[in-house]
N, C-alpha and C. Protein backbone atom coordinates (compact mmCIF):
# COMPACT_ATOMS: atom_id res chain seq x y z
N MET A 1 -14.07 -9.23 37.34
CA MET A 1 -14.32 -9.74 35.98
C MET A 1 -13.58 -11.16 35.93
N ASP A 2 -14.05 -11.74 35.05
CA ASP A 2 -13.49 -13.17 34.70
C ASP A 2 -12.22 -12.94 33.97
N THR A 3 -11.32 -13.64 34.12
CA THR A 3 -10.08 -13.61 33.19
C THR A 3 -10.47 -13.98 31.56
N SER A 4 -11.38 -14.84 31.47
CA SER A 4 -11.62 -15.10 29.85
C SER A 4 -12.38 -14.05 29.22
N ILE A 5 -13.19 -13.07 30.13
CA ILE A 5 -14.03 -11.91 29.61
C ILE A 5 -12.73 -10.83 29.38
N LEU A 6 -12.08 -10.83 30.17
CA LEU A 6 -10.78 -9.67 29.61
C LEU A 6 -9.91 -10.22 28.55
N GLU A 7 -9.49 -11.33 28.60
CA GLU A 7 -9.07 -11.95 27.39
C GLU A 7 -9.70 -11.71 26.20
N PHE A 8 -11.02 -12.02 26.12
CA PHE A 8 -11.75 -11.92 24.91
C PHE A 8 -11.84 -10.29 24.60
N ILE A 9 -11.95 -9.31 25.53
CA ILE A 9 -11.97 -8.02 25.26
C ILE A 9 -10.53 -7.48 24.73
N ALA A 10 -9.36 -8.10 25.17
CA ALA A 10 -8.05 -7.87 24.75
C ALA A 10 -8.04 -8.24 23.19
N ARG A 11 -8.46 -9.34 23.12
CA ARG A 11 -8.13 -10.05 21.58
C ARG A 11 -9.18 -9.25 20.74
N ALA A 12 -10.40 -8.74 20.97
CA ALA A 12 -11.25 -7.88 20.22
C ALA A 12 -10.46 -6.56 20.00
N LEU A 13 -9.88 -5.92 21.03
CA LEU A 13 -9.26 -4.68 20.86
C LEU A 13 -7.96 -4.95 19.77
N VAL A 14 -7.28 -5.99 20.09
CA VAL A 14 -6.36 -6.23 19.15
C VAL A 14 -6.50 -6.43 17.61
N LEU A 15 -7.66 -7.15 17.43
CA LEU A 15 -8.08 -7.30 16.20
C LEU A 15 -8.90 -6.20 15.67
N GLY A 16 -9.46 -5.35 16.16
CA GLY A 16 -10.02 -4.16 16.00
C GLY A 16 -8.90 -3.17 15.57
N GLY A 17 -7.64 -3.01 16.28
CA GLY A 17 -6.53 -2.21 15.87
C GLY A 17 -6.09 -2.79 14.49
N SER A 18 -5.82 -4.15 14.22
CA SER A 18 -5.16 -4.81 13.45
C SER A 18 -6.10 -4.36 11.92
N VAL A 19 -7.32 -4.34 12.12
CA VAL A 19 -8.24 -3.75 10.80
C VAL A 19 -7.89 -2.33 10.73
N LEU A 20 -7.85 -1.45 11.54
CA LEU A 20 -7.69 -0.19 11.37
C LEU A 20 -6.21 0.08 10.81
N GLY A 21 -5.24 -0.67 11.13
CA GLY A 21 -3.95 -0.64 10.78
C GLY A 21 -3.81 -1.11 9.24
N ALA A 22 -4.47 -2.15 8.84
CA ALA A 22 -4.63 -2.64 7.56
C ALA A 22 -5.33 -1.73 6.56
N ALA A 23 -6.32 -0.90 7.14
CA ALA A 23 -7.25 -0.13 6.34
C ALA A 23 -6.07 1.17 6.10
N ALA A 24 -5.36 1.63 6.99
CA ALA A 24 -4.34 2.74 7.03
C ALA A 24 -3.17 2.34 5.99
N ALA A 25 -2.89 0.96 5.97
CA ALA A 25 -1.88 0.43 5.06
C ALA A 25 -2.29 0.44 3.53
N MET A 26 -3.71 0.30 3.42
CA MET A 26 -4.21 0.40 2.08
C MET A 26 -4.30 1.67 1.56
N VAL A 27 -4.53 2.62 2.34
CA VAL A 27 -4.62 4.12 2.10
C VAL A 27 -3.52 4.49 1.45
N ALA A 28 -2.31 3.80 1.77
CA ALA A 28 -0.95 4.28 1.41
C ALA A 28 -0.82 3.77 -0.08
N GLY A 29 -1.54 2.78 -0.40
CA GLY A 29 -1.56 2.21 -1.87
C GLY A 29 -2.26 3.16 -2.74
N LEU A 30 -2.90 4.31 -2.42
CA LEU A 30 -3.74 5.15 -3.19
C LEU A 30 -2.41 6.04 -4.04
N GLY A 31 -1.46 6.58 -3.18
CA GLY A 31 -0.54 7.47 -3.50
C GLY A 31 0.26 6.68 -4.81
N PRO A 32 0.72 5.69 -5.13
CA PRO A 32 1.32 5.06 -6.17
C PRO A 32 0.41 5.15 -7.43
N GLY A 33 -0.94 4.79 -7.27
CA GLY A 33 -1.80 4.82 -8.40
C GLY A 33 -1.84 6.16 -8.97
N ILE A 34 -2.16 7.24 -8.01
CA ILE A 34 -2.26 8.66 -8.75
C ILE A 34 -1.11 8.96 -9.09
N GLY A 35 0.16 8.55 -8.48
CA GLY A 35 1.47 8.92 -9.10
C GLY A 35 1.49 8.43 -10.52
N MET A 36 1.07 7.17 -10.58
CA MET A 36 1.75 6.64 -12.07
C MET A 36 0.82 7.27 -13.14
N GLY A 37 -0.37 7.64 -12.63
CA GLY A 37 -1.23 8.15 -13.73
C GLY A 37 -0.71 9.53 -14.22
N TYR A 38 -0.28 10.27 -13.15
CA TYR A 38 0.17 11.54 -13.51
C TYR A 38 1.62 11.46 -14.15
N ALA A 39 2.32 10.58 -13.92
CA ALA A 39 3.69 10.23 -14.58
C ALA A 39 3.29 9.97 -15.95
N VAL A 40 2.31 9.06 -16.29
CA VAL A 40 2.13 8.68 -17.60
C VAL A 40 1.30 9.62 -18.59
N GLY A 41 0.60 10.50 -17.85
CA GLY A 41 0.06 11.47 -18.61
C GLY A 41 0.87 12.46 -18.98
N LYS A 42 1.92 12.72 -18.17
CA LYS A 42 3.11 13.65 -18.50
C LYS A 42 3.91 13.16 -19.41
N ALA A 43 4.14 11.76 -19.45
CA ALA A 43 5.06 11.28 -20.64
C ALA A 43 4.30 11.24 -21.95
N CYS A 44 3.23 10.92 -21.89
CA CYS A 44 2.36 11.11 -23.17
C CYS A 44 2.48 12.40 -23.63
N LYS A 45 2.13 13.44 -22.80
CA LYS A 45 2.02 14.76 -23.32
C LYS A 45 3.62 15.07 -24.00
N THR A 46 4.56 14.66 -23.18
CA THR A 46 5.88 15.03 -23.68
C THR A 46 6.17 14.35 -24.85
N ILE A 47 5.72 13.18 -25.14
CA ILE A 47 5.80 12.33 -26.45
C ILE A 47 5.27 13.13 -27.54
N GLY A 48 4.06 13.49 -27.36
CA GLY A 48 3.33 14.31 -28.30
C GLY A 48 3.87 15.31 -28.81
N ARG A 49 4.64 16.20 -27.93
CA ARG A 49 5.17 17.41 -28.17
C ARG A 49 6.58 17.07 -28.90
N TYR A 50 7.24 16.14 -28.33
CA TYR A 50 8.72 15.79 -28.89
C TYR A 50 8.57 14.33 -29.19
N PRO A 51 8.32 13.93 -30.35
CA PRO A 51 8.39 12.46 -30.77
C PRO A 51 9.45 11.73 -30.85
N GLU A 52 10.63 12.68 -31.01
CA GLU A 52 11.98 12.06 -31.32
C GLU A 52 12.56 11.67 -29.83
N SER A 53 11.90 11.98 -28.45
CA SER A 53 12.42 11.56 -27.36
C SER A 53 11.46 10.65 -26.70
N SER A 54 10.82 9.85 -27.62
CA SER A 54 9.87 8.72 -27.00
C SER A 54 10.58 7.59 -26.33
N GLY A 55 11.73 7.36 -26.77
CA GLY A 55 12.58 6.11 -26.38
C GLY A 55 13.01 6.52 -24.64
N LYS A 56 13.60 7.69 -24.82
CA LYS A 56 14.19 8.09 -23.32
C LYS A 56 12.96 8.23 -22.37
N VAL A 57 11.77 8.84 -22.95
CA VAL A 57 10.72 9.32 -22.16
C VAL A 57 10.09 7.98 -21.52
N THR A 58 9.84 7.04 -22.55
CA THR A 58 9.28 5.70 -22.07
C THR A 58 10.05 4.80 -21.07
N LYS A 59 11.37 4.97 -21.27
CA LYS A 59 12.36 4.12 -20.44
C LYS A 59 12.04 4.69 -19.14
N THR A 60 12.42 5.89 -18.94
CA THR A 60 12.22 6.68 -17.70
C THR A 60 10.97 6.50 -17.07
N MET A 61 9.76 6.67 -17.91
CA MET A 61 8.48 6.36 -17.20
C MET A 61 8.26 4.85 -16.73
N PHE A 62 8.64 4.04 -17.49
CA PHE A 62 8.48 2.47 -16.79
C PHE A 62 9.27 2.35 -15.61
N ILE A 63 10.60 3.11 -15.50
CA ILE A 63 11.36 2.77 -14.18
C ILE A 63 10.68 3.51 -13.11
N GLY A 64 10.11 4.61 -13.37
CA GLY A 64 9.33 5.26 -12.36
C GLY A 64 8.10 4.61 -12.02
N ALA A 65 7.33 4.15 -13.05
CA ALA A 65 6.20 3.36 -12.59
C ALA A 65 6.37 1.91 -11.72
N ALA A 66 7.69 1.33 -12.10
CA ALA A 66 7.92 0.28 -11.24
C ALA A 66 8.24 0.69 -9.99
N LEU A 67 9.09 1.64 -9.78
CA LEU A 67 9.35 1.95 -8.54
C LEU A 67 7.94 2.39 -7.55
N SER A 68 7.19 3.14 -8.40
CA SER A 68 5.97 3.63 -7.59
C SER A 68 5.13 2.45 -7.12
N GLU A 69 5.06 1.59 -8.07
CA GLU A 69 4.21 0.31 -8.03
C GLU A 69 4.76 -0.51 -6.71
N SER A 70 6.02 -0.64 -6.48
CA SER A 70 6.53 -1.32 -5.44
C SER A 70 6.13 -0.98 -4.06
N MET A 71 5.80 0.65 -3.98
CA MET A 71 5.52 1.10 -2.71
C MET A 71 3.90 0.62 -2.39
N GLY A 72 3.08 0.51 -3.64
CA GLY A 72 1.93 -0.01 -3.29
C GLY A 72 1.63 -1.58 -3.01
N ILE A 73 2.60 -2.15 -3.67
CA ILE A 73 2.73 -3.61 -3.29
C ILE A 73 3.22 -3.77 -1.97
N PHE A 74 4.01 -3.14 -1.46
CA PHE A 74 4.56 -3.26 -0.03
C PHE A 74 3.50 -2.89 0.79
N ALA A 75 2.74 -1.95 0.60
CA ALA A 75 1.45 -1.66 1.36
C ALA A 75 0.53 -2.66 1.41
N PHE A 76 0.41 -3.15 0.28
CA PHE A 76 -0.62 -4.43 0.34
C PHE A 76 -0.16 -5.70 1.03
N VAL A 77 0.95 -5.97 0.83
CA VAL A 77 1.42 -6.95 1.78
C VAL A 77 1.38 -6.75 3.23
N VAL A 78 1.97 -5.61 3.57
CA VAL A 78 1.60 -5.27 5.08
C VAL A 78 0.19 -5.54 5.66
N ALA A 79 -0.61 -4.92 4.65
CA ALA A 79 -2.08 -5.03 5.00
C ALA A 79 -2.45 -6.68 5.29
N ILE A 80 -2.33 -7.47 4.30
CA ILE A 80 -2.44 -8.72 4.40
C ILE A 80 -1.83 -9.32 5.52
N VAL A 81 -0.64 -9.06 5.84
CA VAL A 81 0.03 -9.48 6.96
C VAL A 81 -0.63 -9.31 8.26
N ILE A 82 -1.02 -8.20 8.37
CA ILE A 82 -1.86 -7.63 9.56
C ILE A 82 -3.22 -8.21 9.80
N MET A 83 -3.90 -8.49 8.59
CA MET A 83 -5.15 -9.10 8.80
C MET A 83 -5.03 -10.53 9.07
N PHE A 84 -4.20 -11.23 8.30
CA PHE A 84 -4.48 -12.69 8.16
C PHE A 84 -3.39 -13.41 9.06
N ILE A 85 -2.17 -12.91 9.18
CA ILE A 85 -1.08 -13.46 9.88
C ILE A 85 -1.29 -13.12 11.49
N ASN A 86 -1.45 -11.71 11.47
CA ASN A 86 -1.89 -11.18 12.78
C ASN A 86 -0.59 -11.43 13.80
N PRO A 87 0.48 -10.67 13.68
CA PRO A 87 1.49 -10.94 14.55
C PRO A 87 1.26 -10.69 15.99
N PHE A 88 0.34 -9.56 16.35
CA PHE A 88 0.18 -8.93 17.63
C PHE A 88 -0.84 -9.84 18.38
N ILE A 89 -1.61 -11.02 17.98
CA ILE A 89 -2.48 -11.49 18.62
C ILE A 89 -1.86 -12.51 19.73
N ASP A 90 -0.59 -12.72 19.58
CA ASP A 90 -0.07 -13.56 20.54
C ASP A 90 0.57 -12.79 21.73
N LYS A 91 0.39 -11.31 21.62
CA LYS A 91 1.04 -10.44 22.84
C LYS A 91 -0.05 -10.25 23.66
N VAL A 92 -1.18 -10.95 23.52
CA VAL A 92 -2.48 -10.57 24.44
C VAL A 92 -2.13 -11.38 25.76
N VAL A 93 -2.47 -10.81 26.97
CA VAL A 93 -2.34 -11.61 28.18
C VAL A 93 -3.26 -12.52 28.15
């Protein structure tokens, strides 16, 4: 086989793997959304039962939501880097 064909196949495999990796990274973004929804629901339920604790519950909920959201943002950044910057394409023979 010609080396240009082999290089084309190798690049196609790397790009295909990059797409699958980016998709897997975005699946990791589902967890923070589900977790934040669960946390906000529980916080609303607690505030409904004990209105005097709304300050502490709200503060703790916002800190937890921020930490949870950072994981989703990191997953999004990894997916963008894999898709558009593609650091693996230079490793092709």
